[in-house]
Amino acid sequence: MKKIYLILILILLGSVTFSANVDEIVKKAYNAAYYAGDDGRSTVDMEIVDKNKRIRKRRIIMLRKDITDGKEQMYYAYFKEPSDVKNMVFMVHKNTKKDDDRWLYLPALDLVKRIASNDKRSSFVGSDFTYEDISGRSIEEDVHELTGEDSSYYIIKNTPKTLEDFAYYVTYIDKKNYLPIKAEYYNSTGNIYRRITAEKIEVIDGFPTITIMKADEIEKGTYTVNKFSDTVYNLGMEENIFTERYLRRPPRKWLR
């Protein structure tokens, strides 16, 4: 009888360790993907390809500042091209104990629009990326399960704790640098309908960085490619540029 109890205890302890390991992997991947350095700046060239292979382009300057590593964080995306979106701004304040705050400034209307938390899965300015893809999905929103691994990748199933527009998604995390190199989204029938992939990774200022990323809407036959260039980390950005007053008055110092 004592042996049976001992076996049960070992199984339970093993399960706890396994769960903790999974959560640690996910946390490291989240930090690697979204928290390199204390702040960062990139130029993003976006190509949106529709099902007829027609291409629309966007050029965006992306600014980021971390308040607490792995937690509170701010994003500022300034649109430079083309003319129909020029001077548009998307800003995010990531929060840990409440929904993220998101704003979109539309210069043609001189309108600041708050993006509701239930719109976070909506298309980001007509692309195949969502608002949530740009600033990251909180790891607290999902239950994580390590479903497999090989010599190169951890394979993790992520199931949302509340109702979403997907049943679950599976991420492939590079064991060397902990960057998520692929995420596949499954619908309620168990089919992959959406995929995000890291097409190219480079080391910049000592940080492994995704420099080409693709979002593929498999069912729709559309995709979007983001190419990141001129990426720099640890610039010492001021926190006050990530406030509403700078939606209409962009911080030119950081957008050159």
C-alpha atoms as a PDB file:
ATOM      1  CA  MET A   1       0.000   0.000   0.000  1.00  0.00           C
ATOM      2  CA  LYS A   2       2.832   2.389   0.867  1.00  0.00           C
ATOM      3  CA  LYS A   3       4.393   1.700  -2.520  1.00  0.00           C
ATOM      4  CA  ILE A   4       1.133   2.610  -4.279  1.00  0.00           C
ATOM      5  CA  TYR A   5       0.930   5.909  -2.364  1.00  0.00           C
ATOM      6  CA  LEU A   6       4.571   6.620  -3.191  1.00  0.00           C
ATOM      7  CA  ILE A   7       3.957   6.000  -6.885  1.00  0.00           C
ATOM      8  CA  LEU A   8       0.907   8.291  -6.854  1.00  0.00           C
ATOM      9  CA  ILE A   9       2.888  11.051  -5.141  1.00  0.00           C
ATOM     10  CA  LEU A  10       5.712  10.739  -7.669  1.00  0.00           C
ATOM     11  CA  ILE A  11       3.223  10.918 -10.545  1.00  0.00           C
ATOM     12  CA  LEU A  12       1.631  14.045  -9.077  1.00  0.00           C
ATOM     13  CA  LEU A  13       5.002  15.681  -8.500  1.00  0.00           C
ATOM     14  CA  GLY A  14       6.040  14.788 -12.024  1.00  0.00           C
ATOM     15  CA  SER A  15       2.884  16.403 -13.384  1.00  0.00           C
ATOM     16  CA  VAL A  16       3.534  19.614 -11.440  1.00  0.00           C
ATOM     17  CA  THR A  17       7.123  19.755 -12.703  1.00  0.00           C
ATOM     18  CA  PHE A  18       5.968  19.100 -16.262  1.00  0.00           C
ATOM     19  CA  SER A  19       3.386  21.898 -16.075  1.00  0.00           C
ATOM     20  CA  ALA A  20       5.907  24.302 -14.570  1.00  0.00           C
ATOM     21  CA  ASN A  21       8.364  23.479 -17.363  1.00  0.00           C
ATOM     22  CA  VAL A  22       5.753  24.191 -20.018  1.00  0.00           C
ATOM     23  CA  ASP A  23       4.872  27.521 -18.456  1.00  0.00           C
ATOM     24  CA  GLU A  24       8.552  28.431 -18.255  1.00  0.00           C
ATOM     25  CA  ILE A  25       9.065  27.614 -21.945  1.00  0.00           C
ATOM     26  CA  VAL A  26       6.076  29.750 -22.917  1.00  0.00           C
ATOM     27  CA  LYS A  27       7.276  32.634 -20.757  1.00  0.00           C
ATOM     28  CA  LYS A  28      10.769  32.516 -22.286  1.00  0.00           C
ATOM     29  CA  ALA A  29       9.276  32.456 -25.792  1.00  0.00           C
ATOM     30  CA  TYR A  30       7.018  35.411 -24.997  1.00  0.00           C
ATOM     31  CA  ASN A  31       9.954  37.432 -23.672  1.00  0.00           C
ATOM     32  CA  ALA A  32      12.179  36.508 -26.614  1.00  0.00           C
ATOM     33  CA  ALA A  33       9.533  37.546 -29.155  1.00  0.00           C
ATOM     34  CA  TYR A  34       8.298  40.784 -27.564  1.00  0.00           C
ATOM     35  CA  TYR A  35      10.773  42.029 -24.917  1.00  0.00           C
ATOM     36  CA  ALA A  36      14.238  42.152 -26.497  1.00  0.00           C
ATOM     37  CA  GLY A  37      16.091  45.031 -24.834  1.00  0.00           C
ATOM     38  CA  ASP A  38      14.393  47.759 -22.800  1.00  0.00           C
ATOM     39  CA  ASP A  39      13.020  49.442 -25.910  1.00  0.00           C
ATOM     40  CA  GLY A  40      13.303  49.161 -29.686  1.00  0.00           C
ATOM     41  CA  ARG A  41      12.683  50.774 -33.059  1.00  0.00           C
ATOM     42  CA  SER A  42      12.095  49.143 -36.464  1.00  0.00           C
ATOM     43  CA  THR A  43      10.972  50.050 -39.947  1.00  0.00           C
ATOM     44  CA  VAL A  44       8.306  47.618 -41.114  1.00  0.00           C
ATOM     45  CA  ASP A  45       7.572  47.114 -44.806  1.00  0.00           C
ATOM     46  CA  MET A  46       4.241  45.345 -45.081  1.00  0.00           C
ATOM     47  CA  GLU A  47       2.928  43.592 -48.213  1.00  0.00           C
ATOM     48  CA  ILE A  48      -0.716  42.533 -48.172  1.00  0.00           C
ATOM     49  CA  VAL A  49      -1.539  39.973 -50.875  1.00  0.00           C
ATOM     50  CA  ASP A  50      -5.179  39.181 -51.695  1.00  0.00           C
ATOM     51  CA  LYS A  51      -6.530  35.960 -53.225  1.00  0.00           C
ATOM     52  CA  ASN A  52      -6.006  37.378 -56.732  1.00  0.00           C
ATOM     53  CA  LYS A  53      -2.331  38.099 -55.933  1.00  0.00           C
ATOM     54  CA  ARG A  54      -2.852  41.848 -55.911  1.00  0.00           C
ATOM     55  CA  ILE A  55      -0.437  43.593 -53.560  1.00  0.00           C
ATOM     56  CA  ARG A  56      -0.926  46.545 -51.244  1.00  0.00           C
ATOM     57  CA  LYS A  57       2.032  48.012 -49.393  1.00  0.00           C
ATOM     58  CA  ARG A  58       2.503  49.829 -46.104  1.00  0.00           C
ATOM     59  CA  ARG A  59       5.570  51.337 -44.444  1.00  0.00           C
ATOM     60  CA  ILE A  60       5.438  51.665 -40.671  1.00  0.00           C
ATOM     61  CA  ILE A  61       7.851  52.884 -38.000  1.00  0.00           C
ATOM     62  CA  MET A  62       7.382  50.749 -34.905  1.00  0.00           C
ATOM     63  CA  LEU A  63       8.461  51.987 -31.483  1.00  0.00           C
ATOM     64  CA  ARG A  64       8.364  49.908 -28.294  1.00  0.00           C
ATOM     65  CA  LYS A  65       9.165  50.555 -24.638  1.00  0.00           C
ATOM     66  CA  ASP A  66       9.032  48.085 -21.755  1.00  0.00           C
ATOM     67  CA  ILE A  67       7.818  49.234 -18.365  1.00  0.00           C
ATOM     68  CA  THR A  68       8.186  45.875 -16.616  1.00  0.00           C
ATOM     69  CA  ASP A  69      10.012  43.087 -18.414  1.00  0.00           C
ATOM     70  CA  GLY A  70       7.519  40.455 -19.527  1.00  0.00           C
ATOM     71  CA  LYS A  71       4.566  42.546 -18.352  1.00  0.00           C
ATOM     72  CA  GLU A  72       3.600  46.207 -18.896  1.00  0.00           C
ATOM     73  CA  GLN A  73       4.737  47.518 -22.240  1.00  0.00           C
ATOM     74  CA  MET A  74       3.905  50.199 -24.812  1.00  0.00           C
ATOM     75  CA  TYR A  75       3.842  50.243 -28.624  1.00  0.00           C
ATOM     76  CA  TYR A  76       3.614  53.112 -31.082  1.00  0.00           C
ATOM     77  CA  ALA A  77       3.170  52.322 -34.809  1.00  0.00           C
ATOM     78  CA  TYR A  78       3.422  55.312 -37.151  1.00  0.00           C
ATOM     79  CA  PHE A  79       2.362  54.888 -40.796  1.00  0.00           C
ATOM     80  CA  LYS A  80       4.611  56.634 -43.323  1.00  0.00           C
ATOM     81  CA  GLU A  81       3.347  55.209 -46.637  1.00  0.00           C
ATOM     82  CA  PRO A  82       1.231  55.128 -48.782  1.00  0.00           C
ATOM     83  CA  SER A  83      -0.568  58.475 -48.829  1.00  0.00           C
ATOM     84  CA  ASP A  84      -3.989  57.071 -47.835  1.00  0.00           C
ATOM     85  CA  VAL A  85      -2.640  55.905 -44.449  1.00  0.00           C
ATOM     86  CA  LYS A  86       0.167  58.427 -43.963  1.00  0.00           C
ATOM     87  CA  ASN A  87       0.313  59.837 -40.399  1.00  0.00           C
ATOM     88  CA  MET A  88      -2.050  57.164 -39.051  1.00  0.00           C
ATOM     89  CA  VAL A  89      -0.991  55.885 -35.615  1.00  0.00           C
ATOM     90  CA  PHE A  90      -1.703  52.687 -33.697  1.00  0.00           C
ATOM     91  CA  MET A  91      -0.771  52.710 -30.002  1.00  0.00           C
ATOM     92  CA  VAL A  92      -0.965  49.987 -27.339  1.00  0.00           C
ATOM     93  CA  HIS A  93      -0.533  49.956 -23.575  1.00  0.00           C
ATOM     94  CA  LYS A  94      -0.161  46.333 -22.510  1.00  0.00           C
ATOM     95  CA  ASN A  95      -1.518  45.620 -19.033  1.00  0.00           C
ATOM     96  CA  THR A  96      -1.237  42.603 -16.763  1.00  0.00           C
ATOM     97  CA  LYS A  97      -4.329  42.909 -14.557  1.00  0.00           C
ATOM     98  CA  LYS A  98      -6.813  44.241 -17.115  1.00  0.00           C
ATOM     99  CA  ASP A  99      -7.406  44.349 -20.869  1.00  0.00           C
ATOM    100  CA  ASP A 100      -4.824  46.152 -22.969  1.00  0.00           C
ATOM    101  CA  ASP A 101      -5.549  49.737 -23.995  1.00  0.00           C
ATOM    102  CA  ARG A 102      -5.440  50.300 -27.759  1.00  0.00           C
ATOM    103  CA  TRP A 103      -5.892  53.461 -29.803  1.00  0.00           C
ATOM    104  CA  LEU A 104      -6.032  54.171 -33.526  1.00  0.00           C
ATOM    105  CA  TYR A 105      -5.583  57.708 -34.833  1.00  0.00           C
ATOM    106  CA  LEU A 106      -7.204  58.393 -38.227  1.00  0.00           C
ATOM    107  CA  PRO A 107      -5.698  61.639 -39.611  1.00  0.00           C
ATOM    108  CA  ALA A 108      -8.211  62.000 -42.474  1.00  0.00           C
ATOM    109  CA  LEU A 109     -10.960  62.378 -39.864  1.00  0.00           C
ATOM    110  CA  ASP A 110      -8.727  63.776 -37.118  1.00  0.00           C
ATOM    111  CA  LEU A 111     -10.269  61.030 -34.993  1.00  0.00           C
ATOM    112  CA  VAL A 112      -8.835  59.038 -32.102  1.00  0.00           C
ATOM    113  CA  LYS A 113     -10.596  55.673 -31.886  1.00  0.00           C
ATOM    114  CA  ARG A 114     -10.365  53.352 -28.897  1.00  0.00           C
ATOM    115  CA  ILE A 115     -10.129  49.706 -29.931  1.00  0.00           C
ATOM    116  CA  ALA A 116     -12.302  47.561 -27.690  1.00  0.00           C
ATOM    117  CA  SER A 117     -10.867  44.411 -26.133  1.00  0.00           C
ATOM    118  CA  ASN A 118     -13.264  42.277 -28.183  1.00  0.00           C
ATOM    119  CA  ASP A 119     -11.754  43.750 -31.381  1.00  0.00           C
ATOM    120  CA  LYS A 120      -8.216  42.542 -30.618  1.00  0.00           C
ATOM    121  CA  ARG A 121      -8.621  39.663 -33.082  1.00  0.00           C
ATOM    122  CA  SER A 122      -9.737  42.010 -35.870  1.00  0.00           C
ATOM    123  CA  SER A 123      -7.566  42.694 -38.902  1.00  0.00           C
ATOM    124  CA  PHE A 124      -4.731  45.152 -38.352  1.00  0.00           C
ATOM    125  CA  VAL A 125      -5.326  47.897 -40.962  1.00  0.00           C
ATOM    126  CA  GLY A 126      -6.612  45.448 -43.580  1.00  0.00           C
ATOM    127  CA  SER A 127      -3.720  42.982 -43.271  1.00  0.00           C
ATOM    128  CA  ASP A 128      -3.730  39.316 -42.306  1.00  0.00           C
ATOM    129  CA  PHE A 129      -2.191  40.190 -38.939  1.00  0.00           C
ATOM    130  CA  THR A 130      -4.514  41.012 -36.058  1.00  0.00           C
ATOM    131  CA  TYR A 131      -4.126  43.796 -33.516  1.00  0.00           C
ATOM    132  CA  GLU A 132      -3.223  41.089 -31.020  1.00  0.00           C
ATOM    133  CA  ASP A 133      -0.479  39.704 -33.284  1.00  0.00           C
ATOM    134  CA  ILE A 134       1.286  43.051 -33.342  1.00  0.00           C
ATOM    135  CA  SER A 135       1.656  43.510 -29.583  1.00  0.00           C
ATOM    136  CA  GLY A 136       1.325  39.891 -28.460  1.00  0.00           C
ATOM    137  CA  ARG A 137      -1.287  37.712 -26.827  1.00  0.00           C
ATOM    138  CA  SER A 138      -1.040  37.457 -23.046  1.00  0.00           C
ATOM    139  CA  ILE A 139       0.189  34.045 -21.932  1.00  0.00           C
ATOM    140  CA  GLU A 140      -2.369  34.169 -19.100  1.00  0.00           C
ATOM    141  CA  GLU A 141      -5.216  33.875 -21.620  1.00  0.00           C
ATOM    142  CA  ASP A 142      -4.415  30.266 -22.545  1.00  0.00           C
ATOM    143  CA  VAL A 143      -3.807  26.843 -21.033  1.00  0.00           C
ATOM    144  CA  HIS A 144      -0.463  25.527 -22.324  1.00  0.00           C
ATOM    145  CA  GLU A 145       0.405  21.907 -22.991  1.00  0.00           C
ATOM    146  CA  LEU A 146       3.703  20.495 -24.243  1.00  0.00           C
ATOM    147  CA  THR A 147       2.528  17.994 -26.852  1.00  0.00           C
ATOM    148  CA  GLY A 148       5.882  17.108 -28.393  1.00  0.00           C
ATOM    149  CA  GLU A 149       9.463  18.084 -29.084  1.00  0.00           C
ATOM    150  CA  ASP A 150      12.417  17.156 -31.224  1.00  0.00           C
ATOM    151  CA  SER A 151      16.049  18.211 -31.298  1.00  0.00           C
ATOM    152  CA  SER A 152      15.132  21.687 -32.575  1.00  0.00           C
ATOM    153  CA  TYR A 153      11.664  22.666 -31.303  1.00  0.00           C
ATOM    154  CA  TYR A 154       9.203  22.510 -28.442  1.00  0.00           C
ATOM    155  CA  ILE A 155       5.657  21.952 -29.706  1.00  0.00           C
ATOM    156  CA  ILE A 156       3.022  23.558 -27.497  1.00  0.00           C
ATOM    157  CA  LYS A 157      -0.768  23.476 -27.720  1.00  0.00           C
ATOM    158  CA  ASN A 158      -2.419  26.645 -26.423  1.00  0.00           C
ATOM    159  CA  THR A 159      -6.134  26.505 -25.603  1.00  0.00           C
ATOM    160  CA  PRO A 160      -7.958  29.752 -24.756  1.00  0.00           C
ATOM    161  CA  LYS A 161      -9.590  29.935 -21.345  1.00  0.00           C
ATOM    162  CA  THR A 162     -12.520  31.902 -22.791  1.00  0.00           C
ATOM    163  CA  LEU A 163     -14.355  31.734 -26.103  1.00  0.00           C
ATOM    164  CA  GLU A 164     -12.279  32.956 -29.065  1.00  0.00           C
ATOM    165  CA  ASP A 165     -12.529  32.798 -32.849  1.00  0.00           C
ATOM    166  CA  PHE A 166     -10.243  29.729 -32.790  1.00  0.00           C
ATOM    167  CA  ALA A 167     -10.368  26.462 -30.846  1.00  0.00           C
ATOM    168  CA  TYR A 168      -6.630  26.382 -30.075  1.00  0.00           C
ATOM    169  CA  TYR A 169      -3.274  27.145 -31.640  1.00  0.00           C
ATOM    170  CA  VAL A 170       0.005  25.249 -31.739  1.00  0.00           C
ATOM    171  CA  THR A 171       3.360  27.002 -31.477  1.00  0.00           C
ATOM    172  CA  TYR A 172       6.788  25.688 -32.472  1.00  0.00           C
ATOM    173  CA  ILE A 173       9.482  27.225 -30.278  1.00  0.00           C
ATOM    174  CA  ASP A 174      13.157  27.178 -31.213  1.00  0.00           C
ATOM    175  CA  LYS A 175      15.160  25.486 -28.458  1.00  0.00           C
ATOM    176  CA  LYS A 176      18.264  27.595 -29.137  1.00  0.00           C
ATOM    177  CA  ASN A 177      16.787  31.090 -28.835  1.00  0.00           C
ATOM    178  CA  TYR A 178      13.204  30.438 -27.638  1.00  0.00           C
ATOM    179  CA  LEU A 179      11.706  32.397 -30.533  1.00  0.00           C
ATOM    180  CA  PRO A 180       8.328  31.068 -31.728  1.00  0.00           C
ATOM    181  CA  ILE A 181       8.996  30.208 -35.368  1.00  0.00           C
ATOM    182  CA  LYS A 182       5.506  28.991 -36.270  1.00  0.00           C
ATOM    183  CA  ALA A 183       1.956  29.263 -34.905  1.00  0.00           C
ATOM    184  CA  GLU A 184      -0.931  27.300 -36.436  1.00  0.00           C
ATOM    185  CA  TYR A 185      -4.527  28.178 -35.563  1.00  0.00           C
ATOM    186  CA  TYR A 186      -7.201  25.467 -35.549  1.00  0.00           C
ATOM    187  CA  ASN A 187     -10.952  25.917 -35.893  1.00  0.00           C
ATOM    188  CA  SER A 188     -13.680  23.974 -34.081  1.00  0.00           C
ATOM    189  CA  THR A 189     -13.539  21.177 -36.678  1.00  0.00           C
ATOM    190  CA  GLY A 190      -9.853  20.589 -36.019  1.00  0.00           C
ATOM    191  CA  ASN A 191      -8.542  22.098 -39.262  1.00  0.00           C
ATOM    192  CA  ILE A 192      -5.730  24.620 -39.623  1.00  0.00           C
ATOM    193  CA  TYR A 193      -7.166  27.837 -41.019  1.00  0.00           C
ATOM    194  CA  ARG A 194      -4.405  30.329 -40.188  1.00  0.00           C
ATOM    195  CA  ARG A 195      -0.629  30.217 -39.863  1.00  0.00           C
ATOM    196  CA  ILE A 196       2.057  32.696 -38.748  1.00  0.00           C
ATOM    197  CA  THR A 197       5.698  31.923 -39.528  1.00  0.00           C
ATOM    198  CA  ALA A 198       9.076  33.486 -38.857  1.00  0.00           C
ATOM    199  CA  GLU A 199      10.647  33.446 -42.306  1.00  0.00           C
ATOM    200  CA  LYS A 200      14.007  34.940 -41.289  1.00  0.00           C
ATOM    201  CA  ILE A 201      15.863  35.437 -37.995  1.00  0.00           C
ATOM    202  CA  GLU A 202      18.942  37.601 -37.432  1.00  0.00           C
ATOM    203  CA  VAL A 203      20.954  38.542 -34.361  1.00  0.00           C
ATOM    204  CA  ILE A 204      20.733  42.320 -33.797  1.00  0.00           C
ATOM    205  CA  ASP A 205      22.511  44.041 -30.898  1.00  0.00           C
ATOM    206  CA  GLY A 206      22.938  40.587 -29.368  1.00  0.00           C
ATOM    207  CA  PHE A 207      19.215  39.713 -29.564  1.00  0.00           C
ATOM    208  CA  PRO A 208      17.829  36.998 -31.901  1.00  0.00           C
ATOM    209  CA  THR A 209      15.245  38.942 -33.912  1.00  0.00           C
ATOM    210  CA  ILE A 210      12.564  37.944 -36.414  1.00  0.00           C
ATOM    211  CA  THR A 211      13.207  40.109 -39.487  1.00  0.00           C
ATOM    212  CA  ILE A 212      10.653  38.571 -41.854  1.00  0.00           C
ATOM    213  CA  MET A 213       7.252  37.366 -40.633  1.00  0.00           C
ATOM    214  CA  LYS A 214       4.318  35.990 -42.610  1.00  0.00           C
ATOM    215  CA  ALA A 215       0.631  35.687 -41.692  1.00  0.00           C
ATOM    216  CA  ASP A 216      -1.207  33.240 -43.933  1.00  0.00           C
ATOM    217  CA  GLU A 217      -5.025  33.051 -43.978  1.00  0.00           C
ATOM    218  CA  ILE A 218      -5.245  29.563 -45.464  1.00  0.00           C
ATOM    219  CA  GLU A 219      -9.015  29.413 -45.952  1.00  0.00           C
ATOM    220  CA  LYS A 220      -9.203  32.899 -47.501  1.00  0.00           C
ATOM    221  CA  GLY A 221      -6.177  32.434 -49.748  1.00  0.00           C
ATOM    222  CA  THR A 222      -4.577  35.698 -48.573  1.00  0.00           C
ATOM    223  CA  TYR A 223      -1.326  36.473 -46.808  1.00  0.00           C
ATOM    224  CA  THR A 224       0.731  39.358 -45.442  1.00  0.00           C
ATOM    225  CA  VAL A 225       4.505  39.630 -45.139  1.00  0.00           C
ATOM    226  CA  ASN A 226       6.218  42.011 -42.696  1.00  0.00           C
ATOM    227  CA  LYS A 227       9.889  42.814 -43.330  1.00  0.00           C
ATOM    228  CA  PHE A 228      11.720  44.500 -40.443  1.00  0.00           C
ATOM    229  CA  SER A 229      14.761  46.688 -41.081  1.00  0.00           C
ATOM    230  CA  ASP A 230      16.873  49.324 -39.284  1.00  0.00           C
ATOM    231  CA  THR A 231      16.091  47.590 -35.998  1.00  0.00           C
ATOM    232  CA  VAL A 232      17.841  49.064 -32.968  1.00  0.00           C
ATOM    233  CA  TYR A 233      17.450  48.258 -29.256  1.00  0.00           C
ATOM    234  CA  ASN A 234      18.047  50.139 -25.997  1.00  0.00           C
ATOM    235  CA  LEU A 235      17.678  53.670 -27.359  1.00  0.00           C
ATOM    236  CA  GLY A 236      16.505  55.247 -24.106  1.00  0.00           C
ATOM    237  CA  MET A 237      13.072  56.363 -25.349  1.00  0.00           C
ATOM    238  CA  GLU A 238      11.006  58.631 -23.137  1.00  0.00           C
ATOM    239  CA  GLU A 239       7.873  57.075 -21.676  1.00  0.00           C
ATOM    240  CA  ASN A 240       5.734  60.159 -22.367  1.00  0.00           C
ATOM    241  CA  ILE A 241       5.827  59.718 -26.155  1.00  0.00           C
ATOM    242  CA  PHE A 242       3.473  56.745 -25.711  1.00  0.00           C
ATOM    243  CA  THR A 243       0.572  58.970 -24.644  1.00  0.00           C
ATOM    244  CA  GLU A 244      -2.545  60.243 -26.408  1.00  0.00           C
ATOM    245  CA  ARG A 245      -1.110  63.719 -27.029  1.00  0.00           C
ATOM    246  CA  TYR A 246       1.460  62.142 -29.386  1.00  0.00           C
ATOM    247  CA  LEU A 247      -1.176  60.460 -31.521  1.00  0.00           C
ATOM    248  CA  ARG A 248      -1.765  63.794 -33.256  1.00  0.00           C
ATOM    249  CA  ARG A 249       1.776  65.086 -32.703  1.00  0.00           C
ATOM    250  CA  PRO A 250       4.173  62.238 -33.616  1.00  0.00           C
ATOM    251  CA  PRO A 251       7.587  62.203 -31.861  1.00  0.00           C
ATOM    252  CA  ARG A 252       9.668  63.163 -34.933  1.00  0.00           C
ATOM    253  CA  LYS A 253      12.930  62.494 -33.101  1.00  0.00           C
ATOM    254  CA  TRP A 254      12.216  58.746 -33.127  1.00  0.00           C
ATOM    255  CA  LEU A 255      10.530  58.532 -36.543  1.00  0.00           C
ATOM    256  CA  ARG A 256      13.355  59.679 -38.817  1.00  0.00           C
END
